[in-house]
Amino acid sequence: QVQLVESGGGLVQPGGSLRLSCAVSVSIFRIFAMDWYRQAPGKQRELVARITSGGSTYYADVVKGRFTISRDNAENTVYLQMNSLKAEDTAVYYCNKDAPIWNWGQGTQVTVSS
């Protein structure tokens, strides 16, 4: 059973930054494309960013230019650097691999508020 452990969330003011981490308990982490998702209250979970096994990246339009996804295959960890945060970025953030996905982790709460 693969475990996903997200961390790094918190309360930040608009315009601030956070760096999220997701530790993945699988030895062949490097072969998977990894995604960051978020789910705001009352909304569906949405894809925010993706990084392939080769390092290519994809971003949702709403975060493009502000968020950066990266990975450390030696540490089985995927990161999400979030800059210029806005109130509308408030959500629980989750990581997972590209479909077919693993069971979801607990997520990490990001709250952007003054």
PDB file of N, CA and C in Angstrom:
ATOM      1  N   GLN A   1       0.837  -1.177   0.000  1.00  0.00           N
ATOM      2  CA  GLN A   1       0.000   0.000   0.000  1.00  0.00           C
ATOM      3  C   GLN A   1       0.887   1.248   0.000  1.00  0.00           C
ATOM      4  N   VAL A   2       0.786   2.010  -1.081  1.00  0.00           N
ATOM      5  CA  VAL A   2       1.588   3.218  -1.193  1.00  0.00           C
ATOM      6  C   VAL A   2       1.021   4.291  -0.272  1.00  0.00           C
ATOM      7  N   GLN A   3       1.915   4.970   0.431  1.00  0.00           N
ATOM      8  CA  GLN A   3       1.510   6.088   1.292  1.00  0.00           C
ATOM      9  C   GLN A   3       1.993   7.401   0.700  1.00  0.00           C
ATOM     10  N   LEU A   4       1.113   8.385   0.727  1.00  0.00           N
ATOM     11  CA  LEU A   4       1.425   9.738   0.280  1.00  0.00           C
ATOM     12  C   LEU A   4       1.304  10.647   1.492  1.00  0.00           C
ATOM     13  N   VAL A   5       2.379  11.359   1.806  1.00  0.00           N
ATOM     14  CA  VAL A   5       2.377  12.235   2.978  1.00  0.00           C
ATOM     15  C   VAL A   5       2.707  13.657   2.523  1.00  0.00           C
ATOM     16  N   GLU A   6       1.669  14.483   2.488  1.00  0.00           N
ATOM     17  CA  GLU A   6       1.828  15.883   2.090  1.00  0.00           C
ATOM     18  C   GLU A   6       2.123  16.749   3.313  1.00  0.00           C
ATOM     19  N   SER A   7       2.947  17.767   3.121  1.00  0.00           N
ATOM     20  CA  SER A   7       3.280  18.678   4.213  1.00  0.00           C
ATOM     21  C   SER A   7       3.667  20.036   3.645  1.00  0.00           C
ATOM     22  N   GLY A   8       3.778  21.004   4.535  1.00  0.00           N
ATOM     23  CA  GLY A   8       4.245  22.324   4.135  1.00  0.00           C
ATOM     24  C   GLY A   8       3.176  23.384   4.030  1.00  0.00           C
ATOM     25  N   GLY A   9       1.931  23.004   4.214  1.00  0.00           N
ATOM     26  CA  GLY A   9       0.857  23.984   4.146  1.00  0.00           C
ATOM     27  C   GLY A   9       0.859  24.892   5.356  1.00  0.00           C
ATOM     28  N   GLY A  10      -0.045  25.874   5.319  1.00  0.00           N
ATOM     29  CA  GLY A  10      -0.158  26.807   6.430  1.00  0.00           C
ATOM     30  C   GLY A  10      -0.947  28.025   6.045  1.00  0.00           C
ATOM     31  N   LEU A  11      -0.898  29.016   6.922  1.00  0.00           N
ATOM     32  CA  LEU A  11      -1.568  30.284   6.697  1.00  0.00           C
ATOM     33  C   LEU A  11      -0.545  31.285   6.168  1.00  0.00           C
ATOM     34  N   VAL A  12      -0.868  31.930   5.073  1.00  0.00           N
ATOM     35  CA  VAL A  12       0.046  32.895   4.465  1.00  0.00           C
ATOM     36  C   VAL A  12      -0.752  34.075   3.945  1.00  0.00           C
ATOM     37  N   GLN A  13      -0.145  35.234   3.946  1.00  0.00           N
ATOM     38  CA  GLN A  13      -0.816  36.432   3.437  1.00  0.00           C
ATOM     39  C   GLN A  13      -0.798  36.444   1.918  1.00  0.00           C
ATOM     40  N   PRO A  14      -1.750  37.116   1.317  1.00  0.00           N
ATOM     41  CA  PRO A  14      -1.723  37.267  -0.147  1.00  0.00           C
ATOM     42  C   PRO A  14      -0.377  37.825  -0.604  1.00  0.00           C
ATOM     43  N   GLY A  15       0.142  37.241  -1.677  1.00  0.00           N
ATOM     44  CA  GLY A  15       1.450  37.616  -2.182  1.00  0.00           C
ATOM     45  C   GLY A  15       2.588  36.807  -1.605  1.00  0.00           C
ATOM     46  N   GLY A  16       2.294  36.015  -0.607  1.00  0.00           N
ATOM     47  CA  GLY A  16       3.312  35.212   0.045  1.00  0.00           C
ATOM     48  C   GLY A  16       3.629  33.926  -0.706  1.00  0.00           C
ATOM     49  N   SER A  17       4.492  33.120  -0.092  1.00  0.00           N
ATOM     50  CA  SER A  17       4.966  31.878  -0.715  1.00  0.00           C
ATOM     51  C   SER A  17       4.905  30.724   0.271  1.00  0.00           C
ATOM     52  N   LEU A  18       4.736  29.554  -0.275  1.00  0.00           N
ATOM     53  CA  LEU A  18       4.830  28.304   0.481  1.00  0.00           C
ATOM     54  C   LEU A  18       5.465  27.253  -0.411  1.00  0.00           C
ATOM     55  N   ARG A  19       6.107  26.297   0.227  1.00  0.00           N
ATOM     56  CA  ARG A  19       6.651  25.149  -0.510  1.00  0.00           C
ATOM     57  C   ARG A  19       6.060  23.883   0.079  1.00  0.00           C
ATOM     58  N   LEU A  20       5.304  23.174  -0.735  1.00  0.00           N
ATOM     59  CA  LEU A  20       4.700  21.922  -0.313  1.00  0.00           C
ATOM     60  C   LEU A  20       5.600  20.755  -0.683  1.00  0.00           C
ATOM     61  N   SER A  21       5.550  19.723   0.150  1.00  0.00           N
ATOM     62  CA  SER A  21       6.292  18.492  -0.112  1.00  0.00           C
ATOM     63  C   SER A  21       5.346  17.313  -0.066  1.00  0.00           C
ATOM     64  N   CYS A  22       5.667  16.297  -0.823  1.00  0.00           N
ATOM     65  CA  CYS A  22       4.897  15.054  -0.807  1.00  0.00           C
ATOM     66  C   CYS A  22       5.881  13.904  -0.837  1.00  0.00           C
ATOM     67  N   ALA A  23       5.942  13.169   0.255  1.00  0.00           N
ATOM     68  CA  ALA A  23       6.805  12.004   0.339  1.00  0.00           C
ATOM     69  C   ALA A  23       6.009  10.773  -0.069  1.00  0.00           C
ATOM     70  N   VAL A  24       6.602   9.979  -0.935  1.00  0.00           N
ATOM     71  CA  VAL A  24       5.920   8.814  -1.511  1.00  0.00           C
ATOM     72  C   VAL A  24       6.659   7.546  -1.113  1.00  0.00           C
ATOM     73  N   SER A  25       5.917   6.589  -0.562  1.00  0.00           N
ATOM     74  CA  SER A  25       6.547   5.364  -0.052  1.00  0.00           C
ATOM     75  C   SER A  25       6.562   4.275  -1.114  1.00  0.00           C
ATOM     76  N   VAL A  26       7.261   4.527  -2.214  1.00  0.00           N
ATOM     77  CA  VAL A  26       7.376   3.519  -3.258  1.00  0.00           C
ATOM     78  C   VAL A  26       8.779   3.607  -3.824  1.00  0.00           C
ATOM     79  N   SER A  27       9.410   2.448  -4.018  1.00  0.00           N
ATOM     80  CA  SER A  27      10.811   2.438  -4.412  1.00  0.00           C
ATOM     81  C   SER A  27      11.024   2.832  -5.870  1.00  0.00           C
ATOM     82  N   ILE A  28       9.990   2.657  -6.693  1.00  0.00           N
ATOM     83  CA  ILE A  28      10.137   2.981  -8.115  1.00  0.00           C
ATOM     84  C   ILE A  28       9.477   4.311  -8.448  1.00  0.00           C
ATOM     85  N   PHE A  29       9.516   5.219  -7.492  1.00  0.00           N
ATOM     86  CA  PHE A  29       8.904   6.548  -7.627  1.00  0.00           C
ATOM     87  C   PHE A  29       9.303   7.207  -8.938  1.00  0.00           C
ATOM     88  N   ARG A  30      10.552   6.998  -9.340  1.00  0.00           N
ATOM     89  CA  ARG A  30      11.117   7.754 -10.464  1.00  0.00           C
ATOM     90  C   ARG A  30      10.388   7.486 -11.787  1.00  0.00           C
ATOM     91  N   ILE A  31       9.671   6.372 -11.890  1.00  0.00           N
ATOM     92  CA  ILE A  31       9.058   6.035 -13.179  1.00  0.00           C
ATOM     93  C   ILE A  31       7.696   6.670 -13.372  1.00  0.00           C
ATOM     94  N   PHE A  32       7.167   7.284 -12.294  1.00  0.00           N
ATOM     95  CA  PHE A  32       5.802   7.792 -12.365  1.00  0.00           C
ATOM     96  C   PHE A  32       5.758   9.291 -12.628  1.00  0.00           C
ATOM     97  N   ALA A  33       4.809   9.699 -13.454  1.00  0.00           N
ATOM     98  CA  ALA A  33       4.445  11.105 -13.501  1.00  0.00           C
ATOM     99  C   ALA A  33       3.685  11.423 -12.219  1.00  0.00           C
ATOM    100  N   MET A  34       3.980  12.568 -11.633  1.00  0.00           N
ATOM    101  CA  MET A  34       3.366  12.951 -10.355  1.00  0.00           C
ATOM    102  C   MET A  34       2.587  14.249 -10.510  1.00  0.00           C
ATOM    103  N   ASP A  35       1.481  14.315  -9.805  1.00  0.00           N
ATOM    104  CA  ASP A  35       0.564  15.444  -9.905  1.00  0.00           C
ATOM    105  C   ASP A  35       0.352  16.089  -8.543  1.00  0.00           C
ATOM    106  N   TRP A  36       0.087  17.377  -8.566  1.00  0.00           N
ATOM    107  CA  TRP A  36      -0.476  18.086  -7.411  1.00  0.00           C
ATOM    108  C   TRP A  36      -1.904  18.486  -7.770  1.00  0.00           C
ATOM    109  N   TYR A  37      -2.814  18.218  -6.834  1.00  0.00           N
ATOM    110  CA  TYR A  37      -4.214  18.595  -6.963  1.00  0.00           C
ATOM    111  C   TYR A  37      -4.567  19.516  -5.799  1.00  0.00           C
ATOM    112  N   ARG A  38      -5.690  20.170  -5.909  1.00  0.00           N
ATOM    113  CA  ARG A  38      -6.215  20.918  -4.775  1.00  0.00           C
ATOM    114  C   ARG A  38      -7.735  20.833  -4.773  1.00  0.00           C
ATOM    115  N   GLN A  39      -8.295  20.972  -3.575  1.00  0.00           N
ATOM    116  CA  GLN A  39      -9.742  20.962  -3.433  1.00  0.00           C
ATOM    117  C   GLN A  39     -10.142  22.062  -2.467  1.00  0.00           C
ATOM    118  N   ALA A  40     -10.843  23.033  -2.997  1.00  0.00           N
ATOM    119  CA  ALA A  40     -11.356  24.129  -2.183  1.00  0.00           C
ATOM    120  C   ALA A  40     -12.722  23.740  -1.629  1.00  0.00           C
ATOM    121  N   PRO A  41     -13.150  24.364  -0.536  1.00  0.00           N
ATOM    122  CA  PRO A  41     -14.447  24.036   0.062  1.00  0.00           C
ATOM    123  C   PRO A  41     -15.578  24.171  -0.951  1.00  0.00           C
ATOM    124  N   GLY A  42     -16.386  23.116  -1.055  1.00  0.00           N
ATOM    125  CA  GLY A  42     -17.531  23.142  -1.948  1.00  0.00           C
ATOM    126  C   GLY A  42     -17.213  22.973  -3.411  1.00  0.00           C
ATOM    127  N   LYS A  43     -15.949  22.683  -3.725  1.00  0.00           N
ATOM    128  CA  LYS A  43     -15.549  22.534  -5.120  1.00  0.00           C
ATOM    129  C   LYS A  43     -14.942  21.163  -5.355  1.00  0.00           C
ATOM    130  N   GLN A  44     -14.887  20.785  -6.620  1.00  0.00           N
ATOM    131  CA  GLN A  44     -14.278  19.515  -6.984  1.00  0.00           C
ATOM    132  C   GLN A  44     -12.751  19.623  -6.926  1.00  0.00           C
ATOM    133  N   ARG A  45     -12.131  18.485  -6.727  1.00  0.00           N
ATOM    134  CA  ARG A  45     -10.678  18.439  -6.754  1.00  0.00           C
ATOM    135  C   ARG A  45     -10.210  18.754  -8.176  1.00  0.00           C
ATOM    136  N   GLU A  46      -9.171  19.585  -8.278  1.00  0.00           N
ATOM    137  CA  GLU A  46      -8.678  19.973  -9.595  1.00  0.00           C
ATOM    138  C   GLU A  46      -7.175  19.761  -9.692  1.00  0.00           C
ATOM    139  N   LEU A  47      -6.734  19.441 -10.898  1.00  0.00           N
ATOM    140  CA  LEU A  47      -5.311  19.260 -11.164  1.00  0.00           C
ATOM    141  C   LEU A  47      -4.636  20.623 -11.233  1.00  0.00           C
ATOM    142  N   VAL A  48      -3.539  20.757 -10.507  1.00  0.00           N
ATOM    143  CA  VAL A  48      -2.802  22.017 -10.457  1.00  0.00           C
ATOM    144  C   VAL A  48      -1.530  21.949 -11.289  1.00  0.00           C
ATOM    145  N   ALA A  49      -0.796  20.853 -11.140  1.00  0.00           N
ATOM    146  CA  ALA A  49       0.488  20.746 -11.832  1.00  0.00           C
ATOM    147  C   ALA A  49       0.862  19.285 -11.974  1.00  0.00           C
ATOM    148  N   ARG A  50       1.672  19.018 -12.974  1.00  0.00           N
ATOM    149  CA  ARG A  50       2.149  17.651 -13.248  1.00  0.00           C
ATOM    150  C   ARG A  50       3.614  17.715 -13.629  1.00  0.00           C
ATOM    151  N   ILE A  51       4.349  16.690 -13.207  1.00  0.00           N
ATOM    152  CA  ILE A  51       5.732  16.522 -13.655  1.00  0.00           C
ATOM    153  C   ILE A  51       5.904  15.078 -14.097  1.00  0.00           C
ATOM    154  N   THR A  52       6.436  14.899 -15.287  1.00  0.00           N
ATOM    155  CA  THR A  52       6.622  13.551 -15.815  1.00  0.00           C
ATOM    156  C   THR A  52       7.874  12.915 -15.235  1.00  0.00           C
ATOM    157  N   SER A  53       8.081  11.655 -15.566  1.00  0.00           N
ATOM    158  CA  SER A  53       9.288  10.967 -15.112  1.00  0.00           C
ATOM    159  C   SER A  53      10.531  11.621 -15.703  1.00  0.00           C
ATOM    160  N   GLY A  54      10.384  12.225 -16.858  1.00  0.00           N
ATOM    161  CA  GLY A  54      11.512  12.886 -17.515  1.00  0.00           C
ATOM    162  C   GLY A  54      11.703  14.324 -17.112  1.00  0.00           C
ATOM    163  N   GLY A  55      10.794  14.837 -16.278  1.00  0.00           N
ATOM    164  CA  GLY A  55      10.943  16.205 -15.800  1.00  0.00           C
ATOM    165  C   GLY A  55      10.140  17.247 -16.542  1.00  0.00           C
ATOM    166  N   SER A  56       9.381  16.845 -17.548  1.00  0.00           N
ATOM    167  CA  SER A  56       8.505  17.811 -18.225  1.00  0.00           C
ATOM    168  C   SER A  56       7.375  18.209 -17.286  1.00  0.00           C
ATOM    169  N   THR A  57       6.939  19.443 -17.409  1.00  0.00           N
ATOM    170  CA  THR A  57       5.936  19.958 -16.486  1.00  0.00           C
ATOM    171  C   THR A  57       4.715  20.509 -17.207  1.00  0.00           C
ATOM    172  N   TYR A  58       3.605  20.497 -16.487  1.00  0.00           N
ATOM    173  CA  TYR A  58       2.339  21.055 -16.958  1.00  0.00           C
ATOM    174  C   TYR A  58       1.723  21.818 -15.797  1.00  0.00           C
ATOM    175  N   TYR A  59       1.085  22.954 -16.117  1.00  0.00           N
ATOM    176  CA  TYR A  59       0.429  23.750 -15.082  1.00  0.00           C
ATOM    177  C   TYR A  59      -0.969  24.156 -15.539  1.00  0.00           C
ATOM    178  N   ALA A  60      -1.890  24.157 -14.595  1.00  0.00           N
ATOM    179  CA  ALA A  60      -3.197  24.736 -14.875  1.00  0.00           C
ATOM    180  C   ALA A  60      -3.026  26.230 -15.119  1.00  0.00           C
ATOM    181  N   ASP A  61      -3.842  26.778 -15.968  1.00  0.00           N
ATOM    182  CA  ASP A  61      -3.710  28.192 -16.334  1.00  0.00           C
ATOM    183  C   ASP A  61      -3.760  29.104 -15.113  1.00  0.00           C
ATOM    184  N   VAL A  62      -4.551  28.726 -14.123  1.00  0.00           N
ATOM    185  CA  VAL A  62      -4.741  29.608 -12.971  1.00  0.00           C
ATOM    186  C   VAL A  62      -3.500  29.716 -12.093  1.00  0.00           C
ATOM    187  N   VAL A  63      -2.535  28.821 -12.259  1.00  0.00           N
ATOM    188  CA  VAL A  63      -1.320  28.870 -11.432  1.00  0.00           C
ATOM    189  C   VAL A  63      -0.064  29.076 -12.273  1.00  0.00           C
ATOM    190  N   LYS A  64      -0.195  29.067 -13.576  1.00  0.00           N
ATOM    191  CA  LYS A  64       0.966  29.171 -14.461  1.00  0.00           C
ATOM    192  C   LYS A  64       1.717  30.477 -14.192  1.00  0.00           C
ATOM    193  N   GLY A  65       3.011  30.359 -14.053  1.00  0.00           N
ATOM    194  CA  GLY A  65       3.844  31.523 -13.773  1.00  0.00           C
ATOM    195  C   GLY A  65       4.008  31.813 -12.291  1.00  0.00           C
ATOM    196  N   ARG A  66       3.215  31.168 -11.457  1.00  0.00           N
ATOM    197  CA  ARG A  66       3.304  31.379  -9.994  1.00  0.00           C
ATOM    198  C   ARG A  66       3.757  30.132  -9.251  1.00  0.00           C
ATOM    199  N   PHE A  67       3.380  28.958  -9.741  1.00  0.00           N
ATOM    200  CA  PHE A  67       3.710  27.695  -9.088  1.00  0.00           C
ATOM    201  C   PHE A  67       4.776  26.964  -9.898  1.00  0.00           C
ATOM    202  N   THR A  68       5.616  26.205  -9.190  1.00  0.00           N
ATOM    203  CA  THR A  68       6.635  25.382  -9.836  1.00  0.00           C
ATOM    204  C   THR A  68       6.645  24.005  -9.195  1.00  0.00           C
ATOM    205  N   ILE A  69       6.478  22.988 -10.009  1.00  0.00           N
ATOM    206  CA  ILE A  69       6.538  21.616  -9.529  1.00  0.00           C
ATOM    207  C   ILE A  69       7.935  21.063  -9.809  1.00  0.00           C
ATOM    208  N   SER A  70       8.433  20.274  -8.880  1.00  0.00           N
ATOM    209  CA  SER A  70       9.742  19.642  -9.060  1.00  0.00           C
ATOM    210  C   SER A  70       9.735  18.311  -8.322  1.00  0.00           C
ATOM    211  N   ARG A  71      10.775  17.538  -8.543  1.00  0.00           N
ATOM    212  CA  ARG A  71      10.849  16.232  -7.901  1.00  0.00           C
ATOM    213  C   ARG A  71      12.283  15.905  -7.550  1.00  0.00           C
ATOM    214  N   ASP A  72      12.440  15.097  -6.509  1.00  0.00           N
ATOM    215  CA  ASP A  72      13.738  14.567  -6.107  1.00  0.00           C
ATOM    216  C   ASP A  72      13.585  13.050  -6.072  1.00  0.00           C
ATOM    217  N   ASN A  73      14.041  12.384  -7.105  1.00  0.00           N
ATOM    218  CA  ASN A  73      13.853  10.936  -7.190  1.00  0.00           C
ATOM    219  C   ASN A  73      14.663  10.189  -6.138  1.00  0.00           C
ATOM    220  N   ALA A  74      15.752  10.759  -5.695  1.00  0.00           N
ATOM    221  CA  ALA A  74      16.550  10.112  -4.645  1.00  0.00           C
ATOM    222  C   ALA A  74      15.819  10.115  -3.301  1.00  0.00           C
ATOM    223  N   GLU A  75      14.940  11.117  -3.113  1.00  0.00           N
ATOM    224  CA  GLU A  75      14.188  11.240  -1.864  1.00  0.00           C
ATOM    225  C   GLU A  75      12.732  10.799  -2.012  1.00  0.00           C
ATOM    226  N   ASN A  76      12.363  10.327  -3.208  1.00  0.00           N
ATOM    227  CA  ASN A  76      10.969   9.913  -3.462  1.00  0.00           C
ATOM    228  C   ASN A  76       9.992  11.017  -3.047  1.00  0.00           C
ATOM    229  N   THR A  77      10.307  12.230  -3.455  1.00  0.00           N
ATOM    230  CA  THR A  77       9.523  13.385  -3.021  1.00  0.00           C
ATOM    231  C   THR A  77       9.223  14.290  -4.204  1.00  0.00           C
ATOM    232  N   VAL A  78       8.008  14.819  -4.212  1.00  0.00           N
ATOM    233  CA  VAL A  78       7.622  15.823  -5.199  1.00  0.00           C
ATOM    234  C   VAL A  78       7.287  17.105  -4.445  1.00  0.00           C
ATOM    235  N   TYR A  79       7.634  18.229  -5.042  1.00  0.00           N
ATOM    236  CA  TYR A  79       7.470  19.525  -4.394  1.00  0.00           C
ATOM    237  C   TYR A  79       6.556  20.425  -5.222  1.00  0.00           C
ATOM    238  N   LEU A  80       5.973  21.392  -4.545  1.00  0.00           N
ATOM    239  CA  LEU A  80       5.225  22.440  -5.226  1.00  0.00           C
ATOM    240  C   LEU A  80       5.597  23.772  -4.580  1.00  0.00           C
ATOM    241  N   GLN A  81       6.365  24.562  -5.302  1.00  0.00           N
ATOM    242  CA  GLN A  81       6.710  25.906  -4.854  1.00  0.00           C
ATOM    243  C   GLN A  81       5.610  26.850  -5.313  1.00  0.00           C
ATOM    244  N   MET A  82       4.998  27.534  -4.366  1.00  0.00           N
ATOM    245  CA  MET A  82       3.875  28.411  -4.670  1.00  0.00           C
ATOM    246  C   MET A  82       4.241  29.844  -4.300  1.00  0.00           C
ATOM    247  N   ASN A  83       4.279  30.699  -5.284  1.00  0.00           N
ATOM    248  CA  ASN A  83       4.606  32.110  -5.087  1.00  0.00           C
ATOM    249  C   ASN A  83       3.402  32.980  -5.455  1.00  0.00           C
ATOM    250  N   SER A  84       3.458  34.224  -5.032  1.00  0.00           N
ATOM    251  CA  SER A  84       2.389  35.194  -5.350  1.00  0.00           C
ATOM    252  C   SER A  84       1.017  34.602  -5.058  1.00  0.00           C
ATOM    253  N   LEU A  85       0.881  34.041  -3.887  1.00  0.00           N
ATOM    254  CA  LEU A  85      -0.355  33.355  -3.539  1.00  0.00           C
ATOM    255  C   LEU A  85      -1.527  34.322  -3.447  1.00  0.00           C
ATOM    256  N   LYS A  86      -2.681  33.808  -3.846  1.00  0.00           N
ATOM    257  CA  LYS A  86      -3.922  34.576  -3.845  1.00  0.00           C
ATOM    258  C   LYS A  86      -4.939  33.880  -2.945  1.00  0.00           C
ATOM    259  N   ALA A  87      -5.953  34.626  -2.548  1.00  0.00           N
ATOM    260  CA  ALA A  87      -6.996  34.046  -1.701  1.00  0.00           C
ATOM    261  C   ALA A  87      -7.635  32.830  -2.358  1.00  0.00           C
ATOM    262  N   GLU A  88      -7.767  32.881  -3.673  1.00  0.00           N
ATOM    263  CA  GLU A  88      -8.399  31.778  -4.388  1.00  0.00           C
ATOM    264  C   GLU A  88      -7.528  30.526  -4.464  1.00  0.00           C
ATOM    265  N   ASP A  89      -6.291  30.599  -3.986  1.00  0.00           N
ATOM    266  CA  ASP A  89      -5.451  29.402  -3.892  1.00  0.00           C
ATOM    267  C   ASP A  89      -5.734  28.620  -2.615  1.00  0.00           C
ATOM    268  N   THR A  90      -6.572  29.159  -1.743  1.00  0.00           N
ATOM    269  CA  THR A  90      -6.923  28.467  -0.510  1.00  0.00           C
ATOM    270  C   THR A  90      -7.609  27.143  -0.822  1.00  0.00           C
ATOM    271  N   ALA A  91      -7.057  26.064  -0.289  1.00  0.00           N
ATOM    272  CA  ALA A  91      -7.556  24.724  -0.575  1.00  0.00           C
ATOM    273  C   ALA A  91      -6.727  23.715   0.215  1.00  0.00           C
ATOM    274  N   VAL A  92      -7.191  22.473   0.192  1.00  0.00           N
ATOM    275  CA  VAL A  92      -6.359  21.362   0.642  1.00  0.00           C
ATOM    276  C   VAL A  92      -5.628  20.838  -0.588  1.00  0.00           C
ATOM    277  N   TYR A  93      -4.327  20.704  -0.469  1.00  0.00           N
ATOM    278  CA  TYR A  93      -3.489  20.275  -1.583  1.00  0.00           C
ATOM    279  C   TYR A  93      -3.075  18.812  -1.388  1.00  0.00           C
ATOM    280  N   TYR A  94      -3.182  18.065  -2.474  1.00  0.00           N
ATOM    281  CA  TYR A  94      -2.880  16.639  -2.469  1.00  0.00           C
ATOM    282  C   TYR A  94      -1.908  16.321  -3.603  1.00  0.00           C
ATOM    283  N   CYS A  95      -1.119  15.284  -3.419  1.00  0.00           N
ATOM    284  CA  CYS A  95      -0.333  14.769  -4.527  1.00  0.00           C
ATOM    285  C   CYS A  95      -0.827  13.360  -4.850  1.00  0.00           C
ATOM    286  N   ASN A  96      -0.525  12.926  -6.045  1.00  0.00           N
ATOM    287  CA  ASN A  96      -0.822  11.572  -6.475  1.00  0.00           C
ATOM    288  C   ASN A  96      -0.070  11.325  -7.763  1.00  0.00           C
ATOM    289  N   LYS A  97      -0.056  10.092  -8.196  1.00  0.00           N
ATOM    290  CA  LYS A  97       0.590   9.823  -9.463  1.00  0.00           C
ATOM    291  C   LYS A  97      -0.438   9.957 -10.575  1.00  0.00           C
ATOM    292  N   ASP A  98       0.066  10.000 -11.802  1.00  0.00           N
ATOM    293  CA  ASP A  98      -0.806  10.009 -12.953  1.00  0.00           C
ATOM    294  C   ASP A  98      -1.653   8.744 -12.954  1.00  0.00           C
ATOM    295  N   ALA A  99      -2.841   8.812 -13.572  1.00  0.00           N
ATOM    296  CA  ALA A  99      -3.772   7.691 -13.572  1.00  0.00           C
ATOM    297  C   ALA A  99      -3.109   6.407 -14.087  1.00  0.00           C
ATOM    298  N   PRO A 100      -3.456   5.268 -13.477  1.00  0.00           N
ATOM    299  CA  PRO A 100      -4.373   5.077 -12.348  1.00  0.00           C
ATOM    300  C   PRO A 100      -3.728   5.525 -11.034  1.00  0.00           C
ATOM    301  N   ILE A 101      -4.520   6.278 -10.251  1.00  0.00           N
ATOM    302  CA  ILE A 101      -3.970   6.906  -9.047  1.00  0.00           C
ATOM    303  C   ILE A 101      -3.889   5.923  -7.889  1.00  0.00           C
ATOM    304  N   TRP A 102      -3.085   6.300  -6.885  1.00  0.00           N
ATOM    305  CA  TRP A 102      -3.059   5.597  -5.614  1.00  0.00           C
ATOM    306  C   TRP A 102      -4.165   6.140  -4.695  1.00  0.00           C
ATOM    307  N   ASN A 103      -4.315   5.512  -3.522  1.00  0.00           N
ATOM    308  CA  ASN A 103      -5.224   6.078  -2.517  1.00  0.00           C
ATOM    309  C   ASN A 103      -4.708   7.453  -2.104  1.00  0.00           C
ATOM    310  N   TRP A 104      -5.633   8.370  -1.860  1.00  0.00           N
ATOM    311  CA  TRP A 104      -5.242   9.730  -1.501  1.00  0.00           C
ATOM    312  C   TRP A 104      -4.634   9.798  -0.107  1.00  0.00           C
ATOM    313  N   GLY A 105      -3.703  10.715   0.054  1.00  0.00           N
ATOM    314  CA  GLY A 105      -3.185  11.025   1.377  1.00  0.00           C
ATOM    315  C   GLY A 105      -4.113  11.971   2.112  1.00  0.00           C
ATOM    316  N   GLN A 106      -3.616  12.503   3.229  1.00  0.00           N
ATOM    317  CA  GLN A 106      -4.467  13.382   4.044  1.00  0.00           C
ATOM    318  C   GLN A 106      -4.479  14.808   3.507  1.00  0.00           C
ATOM    319  N   GLY A 107      -3.552  15.142   2.641  1.00  0.00           N
ATOM    320  CA  GLY A 107      -3.482  16.491   2.099  1.00  0.00           C
ATOM    321  C   GLY A 107      -2.857  17.461   3.089  1.00  0.00           C
ATOM    322  N   THR A 108      -2.612  18.670   2.604  1.00  0.00           N
ATOM    323  CA  THR A 108      -2.083  19.729   3.463  1.00  0.00           C
ATOM    324  C   THR A 108      -2.859  21.009   3.173  1.00  0.00           C
ATOM    325  N   GLN A 109      -3.320  21.670   4.225  1.00  0.00           N
ATOM    326  CA  GLN A 109      -4.177  22.837   4.084  1.00  0.00           C
ATOM    327  C   GLN A 109      -3.346  24.074   3.786  1.00  0.00           C
ATOM    328  N   VAL A 110      -3.744  24.783   2.764  1.00  0.00           N
ATOM    329  CA  VAL A 110      -3.156  26.078   2.431  1.00  0.00           C
ATOM    330  C   VAL A 110      -4.248  27.125   2.557  1.00  0.00           C
ATOM    331  N   THR A 111      -4.002  28.111   3.391  1.00  0.00           N
ATOM    332  CA  THR A 111      -4.959  29.195   3.581  1.00  0.00           C
ATOM    333  C   THR A 111      -4.260  30.513   3.281  1.00  0.00           C
ATOM    334  N   VAL A 112      -4.802  31.246   2.323  1.00  0.00           N
ATOM    335  CA  VAL A 112      -4.243  32.539   1.931  1.00  0.00           C
ATOM    336  C   VAL A 112      -5.215  33.613   2.385  1.00  0.00           C
ATOM    337  N   SER A 113      -4.794  34.365   3.369  1.00  0.00           N
ATOM    338  CA  SER A 113      -5.692  35.358   3.955  1.00  0.00           C
ATOM    339  C   SER A 113      -4.886  36.417   4.676  1.00  0.00           C
ATOM    340  N   SER A 114      -5.407  37.629   4.656  1.00  0.00           N
ATOM    341  CA  SER A 114      -4.765  38.705   5.396  1.00  0.00           C
ATOM    342  C   SER A 114      -5.366  38.837   6.788  1.00  0.00           C
TER     343      SER A 114
END
